[in-house]
């Protein structure tokens, strides 16, 4: 299962973003919180929603999740 991270800092346009470990847009590790391994990006986003708000899924990670 893929591993997921969420950004620690919220951006005004996207909130906290959930990224797959292999995401092309993955920020540096110091700016991320590890969420764990999940079967789907939606499951990772659900966990992130319990930590931060608002949370969105990175578009690059969403594309990779469908591959």
N, C-alpha and C. Protein backbone atom coordinates (compact mmCIF):
# COMPACT_ATOMS: atom_id res chain seq x y z
N UNK A 1 0.84 -1.19 0.00
CA UNK A 1 0.00 0.00 0.00
C UNK A 1 0.88 1.25 0.00
N UNK A 2 0.44 2.28 -0.69
CA UNK A 2 1.21 3.52 -0.73
C UNK A 2 1.23 4.22 0.63
N UNK A 3 2.30 4.96 0.86
CA UNK A 3 2.43 5.75 2.08
C UNK A 3 2.04 7.19 1.79
N UNK A 4 1.45 7.84 2.78
CA UNK A 4 0.93 9.19 2.62
C UNK A 4 1.44 10.14 3.69
N UNK A 5 1.53 11.41 3.30
CA UNK A 5 1.93 12.50 4.18
C UNK A 5 0.92 13.64 4.03
N UNK A 6 0.88 14.52 5.04
CA UNK A 6 0.07 15.73 4.95
C UNK A 6 0.96 16.91 5.32
N UNK A 7 0.76 18.02 4.65
CA UNK A 7 1.55 19.21 4.96
C UNK A 7 1.16 19.75 6.33
N UNK A 8 2.17 20.17 7.09
CA UNK A 8 1.93 20.70 8.44
C UNK A 8 1.32 22.10 8.39
N UNK A 9 1.69 22.88 7.39
CA UNK A 9 1.19 24.25 7.28
C UNK A 9 0.10 24.34 6.22
N UNK A 10 -0.93 25.07 6.55
CA UNK A 10 -2.05 25.27 5.64
C UNK A 10 -1.72 26.37 4.63
N UNK A 11 -2.11 26.15 3.39
CA UNK A 11 -1.99 27.17 2.36
C UNK A 11 -3.37 27.80 2.16
N UNK A 12 -3.39 29.07 1.83
CA UNK A 12 -4.67 29.78 1.73
C UNK A 12 -5.59 29.20 0.66
N UNK A 13 -5.01 28.65 -0.41
CA UNK A 13 -5.85 28.15 -1.51
C UNK A 13 -6.14 26.65 -1.44
N UNK A 14 -5.33 25.89 -0.72
CA UNK A 14 -5.51 24.43 -0.71
C UNK A 14 -5.65 23.83 0.69
N UNK A 15 -5.42 24.60 1.72
CA UNK A 15 -5.43 24.04 3.08
C UNK A 15 -4.22 23.14 3.26
N UNK A 16 -4.36 22.11 4.05
CA UNK A 16 -3.32 21.10 4.23
C UNK A 16 -3.49 20.08 3.12
N UNK A 17 -2.41 19.76 2.44
CA UNK A 17 -2.51 18.82 1.31
C UNK A 17 -1.97 17.45 1.66
N UNK A 18 -2.70 16.42 1.22
CA UNK A 18 -2.28 15.03 1.37
C UNK A 18 -1.51 14.63 0.13
N UNK A 19 -0.32 14.04 0.34
CA UNK A 19 0.56 13.62 -0.75
C UNK A 19 0.95 12.15 -0.59
N UNK A 20 1.05 11.46 -1.72
CA UNK A 20 1.66 10.13 -1.71
C UNK A 20 3.16 10.30 -1.61
N UNK A 21 3.84 9.28 -1.09
CA UNK A 21 5.29 9.33 -0.94
C UNK A 21 5.99 9.55 -2.28
N UNK A 22 5.40 9.03 -3.38
CA UNK A 22 6.01 9.15 -4.71
C UNK A 22 5.49 10.35 -5.51
N UNK A 23 4.85 11.28 -4.83
CA UNK A 23 4.28 12.47 -5.48
C UNK A 23 5.38 13.37 -6.04
N UNK A 24 5.17 13.85 -7.24
CA UNK A 24 6.10 14.77 -7.87
C UNK A 24 6.09 16.15 -7.23
N UNK A 25 5.07 16.46 -6.44
CA UNK A 25 4.93 17.76 -5.78
C UNK A 25 5.21 17.67 -4.28
N UNK A 26 5.79 16.58 -3.81
CA UNK A 26 6.03 16.36 -2.38
C UNK A 26 6.97 17.41 -1.81
N UNK A 27 6.52 18.17 -0.80
CA UNK A 27 7.41 19.14 -0.15
C UNK A 27 8.53 18.44 0.62
N UNK A 28 9.48 19.24 1.13
CA UNK A 28 10.56 18.65 1.91
C UNK A 28 9.98 18.02 3.17
N UNK A 29 10.64 16.98 3.66
CA UNK A 29 10.12 16.17 4.76
C UNK A 29 9.86 16.97 6.03
N UNK A 30 10.61 18.05 6.26
CA UNK A 30 10.41 18.87 7.46
C UNK A 30 9.04 19.55 7.48
N UNK A 31 8.42 19.66 6.33
CA UNK A 31 7.12 20.33 6.22
C UNK A 31 5.95 19.34 6.20
N UNK A 32 6.26 18.07 6.46
CA UNK A 32 5.24 17.03 6.34
C UNK A 32 5.04 16.27 7.64
N UNK A 33 3.84 15.73 7.79
CA UNK A 33 3.51 14.80 8.88
C UNK A 33 3.14 13.47 8.22
N UNK A 34 3.76 12.41 8.68
CA UNK A 34 3.50 11.08 8.13
C UNK A 34 2.13 10.60 8.59
N UNK A 35 1.32 10.14 7.65
CA UNK A 35 -0.01 9.63 7.97
C UNK A 35 -0.03 8.11 8.08
N UNK A 36 0.78 7.43 7.25
CA UNK A 36 0.80 5.97 7.26
C UNK A 36 0.53 5.42 5.87
N UNK A 37 0.35 4.10 5.82
CA UNK A 37 0.04 3.39 4.57
C UNK A 37 -1.46 3.19 4.47
N UNK A 38 -2.00 3.50 3.30
CA UNK A 38 -3.44 3.39 3.08
C UNK A 38 -3.71 2.80 1.70
N UNK A 39 -4.82 2.10 1.57
CA UNK A 39 -5.21 1.52 0.29
C UNK A 39 -5.65 2.59 -0.70
N UNK A 40 -6.20 3.69 -0.19
CA UNK A 40 -6.68 4.77 -1.06
C UNK A 40 -6.27 6.13 -0.51
N UNK A 41 -6.22 7.09 -1.41
CA UNK A 41 -5.93 8.46 -1.00
C UNK A 41 -7.07 9.01 -0.15
N UNK A 42 -8.28 8.57 -0.42
CA UNK A 42 -9.43 9.02 0.37
C UNK A 42 -9.29 8.60 1.82
N UNK A 43 -8.80 7.38 2.06
CA UNK A 43 -8.60 6.92 3.43
C UNK A 43 -7.55 7.77 4.14
N UNK A 44 -6.47 8.12 3.43
CA UNK A 44 -5.43 8.99 4.01
C UNK A 44 -5.99 10.38 4.29
N UNK A 45 -6.81 10.89 3.38
CA UNK A 45 -7.42 12.21 3.56
C UNK A 45 -8.37 12.20 4.75
N UNK A 46 -9.10 11.12 4.93
CA UNK A 46 -9.99 11.01 6.09
C UNK A 46 -9.20 11.08 7.39
N UNK A 47 -8.04 10.39 7.45
CA UNK A 47 -7.21 10.45 8.64
C UNK A 47 -6.70 11.88 8.86
N UNK A 48 -6.24 12.51 7.79
CA UNK A 48 -5.73 13.88 7.89
C UNK A 48 -6.80 14.85 8.37
N UNK A 49 -8.05 14.62 7.98
CA UNK A 49 -9.16 15.47 8.42
C UNK A 49 -9.37 15.39 9.93
N UNK A 50 -8.93 14.30 10.55
CA UNK A 50 -9.01 14.18 11.99
C UNK A 50 -7.91 14.94 12.71
N UNK A 51 -6.91 15.44 11.94
CA UNK A 51 -5.77 16.14 12.51
C UNK A 51 -5.82 17.63 12.15
N UNK A 52 -6.10 17.91 10.89
CA UNK A 52 -6.08 19.27 10.36
C UNK A 52 -7.39 19.59 9.64
N UNK A 53 -7.63 20.87 9.44
CA UNK A 53 -8.78 21.31 8.65
C UNK A 53 -8.45 22.68 8.07
N UNK A 54 -8.77 22.91 6.83
CA UNK A 54 -9.28 21.99 5.82
C UNK A 54 -8.15 21.15 5.21
N UNK A 55 -8.53 20.04 4.62
CA UNK A 55 -7.57 19.13 3.99
C UNK A 55 -8.03 18.86 2.56
N UNK A 56 -7.06 18.89 1.62
CA UNK A 56 -7.34 18.53 0.23
C UNK A 56 -6.30 17.51 -0.22
N UNK A 57 -6.61 16.84 -1.29
CA UNK A 57 -5.68 15.87 -1.88
C UNK A 57 -4.89 16.54 -2.99
N UNK A 58 -3.59 16.37 -2.98
CA UNK A 58 -2.74 16.91 -4.03
C UNK A 58 -3.16 16.33 -5.38
N UNK A 59 -3.34 17.16 -6.40
CA UNK A 59 -3.76 16.65 -7.72
C UNK A 59 -2.77 15.63 -8.31
N UNK A 60 -1.46 15.83 -8.12
CA UNK A 60 -0.49 14.88 -8.62
C UNK A 60 -0.63 13.53 -7.92
N UNK A 61 -0.84 13.56 -6.63
CA UNK A 61 -1.03 12.32 -5.88
C UNK A 61 -2.33 11.63 -6.28
N UNK A 62 -3.36 12.42 -6.56
CA UNK A 62 -4.63 11.84 -6.99
C UNK A 62 -4.47 11.09 -8.30
N UNK A 63 -3.68 11.65 -9.22
CA UNK A 63 -3.42 11.00 -10.50
C UNK A 63 -2.65 9.70 -10.29
N UNK A 64 -1.65 9.73 -9.41
CA UNK A 64 -0.85 8.54 -9.13
C UNK A 64 -1.68 7.47 -8.46
N UNK A 65 -2.68 7.87 -7.68
CA UNK A 65 -3.52 6.91 -6.98
C UNK A 65 -4.37 6.10 -7.95
N UNK A 66 -4.61 6.61 -9.14
CA UNK A 66 -5.44 5.93 -10.13
C UNK A 66 -4.64 5.02 -11.05
N UNK A 67 -3.31 5.10 -10.93
CA UNK A 67 -2.44 4.28 -11.80
C UNK A 67 -2.37 2.87 -11.27
